[in-house]
Every structure is written in structure tokens, then in C-alpha cells.
Amino acid sequence: MQHGIPRSYWTSLNTTAPSASTGCLVLEPMGPSVNIMVEELPQFKPRKRGMKIHYPPQMAKSTLKQSLQALAFLHNNGIAHGDF
């Protein structure tokens, strides 16, 4: 992967609804989940039994803002994201 653009996709398919036909691409995972990123923060290392992991508020705010901006960009360009 380079610059966040996948080099390949796993599969493609077409779906047909009463109003339109749509092409779909199934892409490789683009990186770690937000949960994994939070668990890897230094304040949660070493991980202790029963430790509750909470998103740092500023990280949660920034991640949500960037995610919503990315989703708006996709929608503005006619692309739907299936597992947001």
C-alpha cells in the first residue's frame, strides 16, 4: 500500500436494486483499528489485569472528526462505505 491507496482489492461484485445497479469493491484492511491504536498507547503499557482502557478525549475527538470528514468526502464523490 502506498499513500493510503490500496494496490489491489479482494473481490468485486455487482448488486442490482429496483432503482440502480451498483458496483462494489472489497478492499484489504487499511490499517489497525482505533481500538488497537488506543491499546498501544504508552499509558496502557504494561497492561494490567482488569485495567479499563478509555479513549483519551482529545484522541477520540480528533479521530471522530477525521473519520466524518473522510466519510463526507466519499459520499460527495458517490462512494458508500459499508462498514463505518
N, C-alpha and C. Protein backbone atom coordinates (compact mmCIF):
# COMPACT_ATOMS: atom_id res chain seq x y z
N MET A 1 0.85 -1.16 0.00
CA MET A 1 0.00 0.00 0.00
C MET A 1 0.89 1.23 0.00
N GLN A 2 0.49 2.25 -0.74
CA GLN A 2 1.28 3.46 -0.81
C GLN A 2 0.35 4.66 -0.74
N HIS A 3 0.64 5.62 0.12
CA HIS A 3 -0.16 6.84 0.26
C HIS A 3 -1.62 6.53 0.55
N GLY A 4 -1.90 5.44 1.27
CA GLY A 4 -3.27 5.12 1.66
C GLY A 4 -4.13 4.57 0.54
N ILE A 5 -3.55 4.30 -0.62
CA ILE A 5 -4.32 3.79 -1.74
C ILE A 5 -4.00 2.31 -1.90
N PRO A 6 -5.01 1.44 -1.79
CA PRO A 6 -4.74 0.00 -1.91
C PRO A 6 -4.28 -0.35 -3.32
N ARG A 7 -3.30 -1.24 -3.41
CA ARG A 7 -2.81 -1.68 -4.72
C ARG A 7 -3.75 -2.68 -5.36
N SER A 8 -4.47 -3.40 -4.54
CA SER A 8 -5.36 -4.42 -5.09
C SER A 8 -6.60 -4.52 -4.22
N TYR A 9 -7.56 -5.23 -4.70
CA TYR A 9 -8.76 -5.47 -3.92
C TYR A 9 -9.01 -6.97 -3.89
N TRP A 10 -9.79 -7.41 -2.90
CA TRP A 10 -10.01 -8.84 -2.73
C TRP A 10 -10.98 -9.38 -3.76
N THR A 11 -12.06 -8.67 -3.98
CA THR A 11 -13.05 -9.13 -4.93
C THR A 11 -13.93 -7.97 -5.36
N SER A 12 -14.69 -8.16 -6.39
CA SER A 12 -15.66 -7.15 -6.81
C SER A 12 -16.97 -7.87 -7.08
N LEU A 13 -18.04 -7.13 -6.99
CA LEU A 13 -19.36 -7.70 -7.26
C LEU A 13 -20.29 -6.60 -7.71
N ASN A 14 -21.36 -6.98 -8.34
CA ASN A 14 -22.40 -6.04 -8.74
C ASN A 14 -23.68 -6.40 -8.03
N THR A 15 -24.36 -5.39 -7.55
CA THR A 15 -25.67 -5.61 -6.93
C THR A 15 -26.70 -4.84 -7.73
N THR A 16 -27.89 -5.37 -7.77
CA THR A 16 -28.96 -4.71 -8.50
C THR A 16 -30.12 -4.47 -7.56
N ALA A 17 -30.52 -3.23 -7.47
CA ALA A 17 -31.69 -2.83 -6.68
C ALA A 17 -32.75 -2.36 -7.66
N PRO A 18 -33.98 -2.17 -7.20
CA PRO A 18 -35.03 -1.72 -8.12
C PRO A 18 -34.68 -0.42 -8.85
N SER A 19 -33.88 0.44 -8.22
CA SER A 19 -33.62 1.74 -8.83
C SER A 19 -32.26 1.85 -9.52
N ALA A 20 -31.33 0.92 -9.26
CA ALA A 20 -29.99 1.08 -9.84
C ALA A 20 -29.18 -0.20 -9.72
N SER A 21 -28.13 -0.26 -10.52
CA SER A 21 -27.14 -1.32 -10.42
C SER A 21 -25.87 -0.69 -9.85
N THR A 22 -25.24 -1.36 -8.92
CA THR A 22 -24.09 -0.78 -8.23
C THR A 22 -22.91 -1.74 -8.25
N GLY A 23 -21.74 -1.21 -8.55
CA GLY A 23 -20.52 -2.00 -8.46
C GLY A 23 -19.91 -1.85 -7.09
N CYS A 24 -19.35 -2.92 -6.56
CA CYS A 24 -18.75 -2.89 -5.22
C CYS A 24 -17.35 -3.48 -5.28
N LEU A 25 -16.46 -2.91 -4.52
CA LEU A 25 -15.11 -3.45 -4.34
C LEU A 25 -14.93 -3.84 -2.88
N VAL A 26 -14.31 -4.97 -2.64
CA VAL A 26 -13.96 -5.39 -1.29
C VAL A 26 -12.46 -5.23 -1.18
N LEU A 27 -12.04 -4.26 -0.35
CA LEU A 27 -10.62 -3.91 -0.23
C LEU A 27 -9.97 -4.58 0.97
N GLU A 28 -8.66 -4.68 0.91
CA GLU A 28 -7.89 -5.19 2.03
C GLU A 28 -8.03 -4.23 3.21
N PRO A 29 -7.87 -4.70 4.45
CA PRO A 29 -7.89 -3.78 5.59
C PRO A 29 -6.82 -2.71 5.42
N MET A 30 -7.15 -1.48 5.79
CA MET A 30 -6.26 -0.35 5.54
C MET A 30 -5.31 -0.06 6.70
N GLY A 31 -5.47 -0.71 7.82
CA GLY A 31 -4.58 -0.45 8.95
C GLY A 31 -5.22 -0.92 10.24
N PRO A 32 -4.59 -0.61 11.36
CA PRO A 32 -5.13 -1.07 12.63
C PRO A 32 -6.43 -0.35 12.98
N SER A 33 -7.24 -1.01 13.78
CA SER A 33 -8.48 -0.39 14.25
C SER A 33 -8.14 0.68 15.30
N VAL A 34 -9.09 1.54 15.57
CA VAL A 34 -8.89 2.57 16.60
C VAL A 34 -8.68 1.89 17.96
N ASN A 35 -9.38 0.80 18.22
CA ASN A 35 -9.20 0.09 19.49
C ASN A 35 -7.76 -0.38 19.67
N ILE A 36 -7.18 -0.94 18.62
CA ILE A 36 -5.79 -1.41 18.70
C ILE A 36 -4.85 -0.23 18.93
N MET A 37 -5.10 0.90 18.23
CA MET A 37 -4.24 2.06 18.41
C MET A 37 -4.29 2.56 19.85
N VAL A 38 -5.47 2.59 20.46
CA VAL A 38 -5.60 3.06 21.85
C VAL A 38 -4.90 2.10 22.81
N GLU A 39 -5.06 0.79 22.58
CA GLU A 39 -4.42 -0.18 23.46
C GLU A 39 -2.89 -0.09 23.41
N GLU A 40 -2.35 0.43 22.32
CA GLU A 40 -0.90 0.54 22.17
C GLU A 40 -0.33 1.84 22.74
N LEU A 41 -1.17 2.73 23.27
CA LEU A 41 -0.68 3.97 23.86
C LEU A 41 0.18 3.67 25.08
N PRO A 42 1.22 4.47 25.31
CA PRO A 42 2.15 4.20 26.43
C PRO A 42 1.47 4.14 27.80
N GLN A 43 0.42 4.91 28.02
CA GLN A 43 -0.20 4.91 29.35
C GLN A 43 -0.91 3.59 29.67
N PHE A 44 -1.11 2.73 28.66
CA PHE A 44 -1.75 1.44 28.90
C PHE A 44 -0.74 0.29 28.86
N LYS A 45 0.55 0.63 28.92
CA LYS A 45 1.61 -0.37 28.93
C LYS A 45 2.34 -0.29 30.26
N PRO A 46 2.68 -1.33 30.94
CA PRO A 46 2.21 -2.68 30.66
C PRO A 46 0.74 -2.80 31.04
N ARG A 47 0.07 -3.63 30.34
CA ARG A 47 -1.37 -3.83 30.58
C ARG A 47 -1.54 -4.70 31.81
N LYS A 48 -2.37 -4.21 32.75
CA LYS A 48 -2.61 -4.95 33.98
C LYS A 48 -3.98 -5.61 33.92
N ARG A 49 -4.09 -6.73 34.58
CA ARG A 49 -5.35 -7.48 34.60
C ARG A 49 -6.48 -6.60 35.12
N GLY A 50 -7.59 -6.57 34.40
CA GLY A 50 -8.75 -5.80 34.82
C GLY A 50 -8.66 -4.32 34.48
N MET A 51 -7.57 -3.90 33.84
CA MET A 51 -7.40 -2.49 33.50
C MET A 51 -8.43 -2.07 32.47
N LYS A 52 -9.11 -0.98 32.74
CA LYS A 52 -10.06 -0.44 31.77
C LYS A 52 -9.34 0.53 30.86
N ILE A 53 -9.59 0.36 29.57
CA ILE A 53 -8.96 1.22 28.58
C ILE A 53 -10.00 2.24 28.13
N HIS A 54 -9.68 3.51 28.30
CA HIS A 54 -10.58 4.58 27.87
C HIS A 54 -9.87 5.42 26.81
N TYR A 55 -10.64 5.83 25.82
CA TYR A 55 -10.07 6.71 24.80
C TYR A 55 -9.72 8.04 25.44
N PRO A 56 -8.52 8.53 25.23
CA PRO A 56 -8.23 9.89 25.67
C PRO A 56 -9.17 10.84 24.92
N PRO A 57 -9.84 11.76 25.62
CA PRO A 57 -10.86 12.60 24.98
C PRO A 57 -10.38 13.33 23.73
N GLN A 58 -9.17 13.88 23.74
CA GLN A 58 -8.69 14.61 22.56
C GLN A 58 -8.47 13.67 21.38
N MET A 59 -8.00 12.45 21.66
CA MET A 59 -7.81 11.47 20.59
C MET A 59 -9.17 11.05 20.00
N ALA A 60 -10.15 10.84 20.87
CA ALA A 60 -11.48 10.46 20.41
C ALA A 60 -12.08 11.56 19.53
N LYS A 61 -11.94 12.80 19.95
CA LYS A 61 -12.48 13.94 19.20
C LYS A 61 -11.81 14.05 17.83
N SER A 62 -10.48 13.95 17.81
CA SER A 62 -9.73 14.06 16.56
C SER A 62 -10.06 12.91 15.60
N THR A 63 -10.11 11.69 16.14
CA THR A 63 -10.41 10.52 15.31
C THR A 63 -11.80 10.61 14.72
N LEU A 64 -12.78 11.00 15.53
CA LEU A 64 -14.15 11.13 15.03
C LEU A 64 -14.25 12.20 13.96
N LYS A 65 -13.62 13.34 14.18
CA LYS A 65 -13.65 14.43 13.20
C LYS A 65 -13.05 13.98 11.87
N GLN A 66 -11.88 13.36 11.92
CA GLN A 66 -11.23 12.91 10.68
C GLN A 66 -12.06 11.82 9.97
N SER A 67 -12.65 10.94 10.75
CA SER A 67 -13.47 9.87 10.16
C SER A 67 -14.70 10.44 9.46
N LEU A 68 -15.35 11.41 10.09
CA LEU A 68 -16.53 12.02 9.48
C LEU A 68 -16.17 12.84 8.25
N GLN A 69 -15.02 13.50 8.27
CA GLN A 69 -14.56 14.22 7.08
C GLN A 69 -14.29 13.26 5.93
N ALA A 70 -13.67 12.13 6.23
CA ALA A 70 -13.39 11.13 5.19
C ALA A 70 -14.68 10.55 4.63
N LEU A 71 -15.63 10.25 5.50
CA LEU A 71 -16.92 9.71 5.06
C LEU A 71 -17.66 10.73 4.20
N ALA A 72 -17.65 12.00 4.58
CA ALA A 72 -18.30 13.05 3.78
C ALA A 72 -17.64 13.15 2.40
N PHE A 73 -16.30 13.05 2.35
CA PHE A 73 -15.59 13.09 1.08
C PHE A 73 -16.04 11.94 0.18
N LEU A 74 -16.11 10.74 0.74
CA LEU A 74 -16.56 9.59 -0.05
C LEU A 74 -17.98 9.81 -0.58
N HIS A 75 -18.88 10.21 0.29
CA HIS A 75 -20.28 10.42 -0.12
C HIS A 75 -20.41 11.52 -1.17
N ASN A 76 -19.63 12.59 -1.03
CA ASN A 76 -19.66 13.68 -2.01
C ASN A 76 -19.16 13.23 -3.38
N ASN A 77 -18.43 12.12 -3.40
CA ASN A 77 -17.90 11.59 -4.65
C ASN A 77 -18.62 10.31 -5.10
N GLY A 78 -19.82 10.10 -4.54
CA GLY A 78 -20.66 8.98 -4.98
C GLY A 78 -20.20 7.61 -4.49
N ILE A 79 -19.46 7.58 -3.39
CA ILE A 79 -18.94 6.32 -2.87
C ILE A 79 -19.56 6.07 -1.50
N ALA A 80 -20.06 4.87 -1.29
CA ALA A 80 -20.58 4.48 0.02
C ALA A 80 -19.56 3.57 0.70
N HIS A 81 -19.47 3.66 2.00
CA HIS A 81 -18.54 2.84 2.78
C HIS A 81 -19.36 1.88 3.59
N GLY A 82 -19.12 0.58 3.44
CA GLY A 82 -20.01 -0.42 4.00
C GLY A 82 -19.88 -0.74 5.47
N ASP A 83 -18.77 -0.48 6.10
CA ASP A 83 -18.65 -0.91 7.49
C ASP A 83 -18.21 0.20 8.44
N PHE A 84 -18.68 1.38 8.19
CA PHE A 84 -18.27 2.51 9.01
C PHE A 84 -18.90 2.47 10.35
